[in-house]
């Protein structure tokens, strides 16, 4: 099956201000975020991307444009930021004092944001979107294709948790930094997490021929084939 590169957007004006942006309009990359995305783009050099999909939020579309200059970027609402409802736009240091904060850290699968979305619903629609796009890329471009999905920290963490076979309550153990790249290959047996939260190093090896490259093996396998 194809390989998907999950990219978190670069640092934003809300990140640097310590504010939970949510789905607020107008939140954009700051100078650091643009530099982060430009550096991540260099890591994709040599890769032909079969598709580029993005959360429709401005910060993700800005990141996608820097990661894949000239590519058609398709909006995918399944990858949009969690709807934090009444929490959106508030300072994180203030939110950390709320009773709900502890539940978000320990039992996120049971959390519904006041006036917003449940974390379980966020996870379900994001995983469904990634799997649907992966199947479409496989049909249109074949099992060797590589494609890019740009989204948000909690959304990507939920997708990775699902790929790892983790309960959503464990997803806070996963770190997804701004402009980081994580890689998943969905196989007929189960997803394979090939890399997680990487911020350095070329990913051009993903474009290499993958025949027999990655299969679940007893003993850990021999690693990726050399070109």
Foldseek 3Di string as FASTA:
>chain_A
DAKEKEWEQFDWPCNVVQFAAAQPAPIARDPRRLVLLLLLLVLAPQADALAAEEAPHHRQVSSSCNNDPPGDYHHDPLQAGFRLAPRHGGHPVVVCPDPCVVCCLQPQQPDQHVRGGRLVVSLVSLLVRVVVVQVVCCVVPNHLHYHYYYHHFSSVLSNVCVQVVHDSSPSSVAGAHHRFIWMWRQDPVGIDTPGGNDRDHHPNCSNPDCVVADDDDPPRDDHGDDD
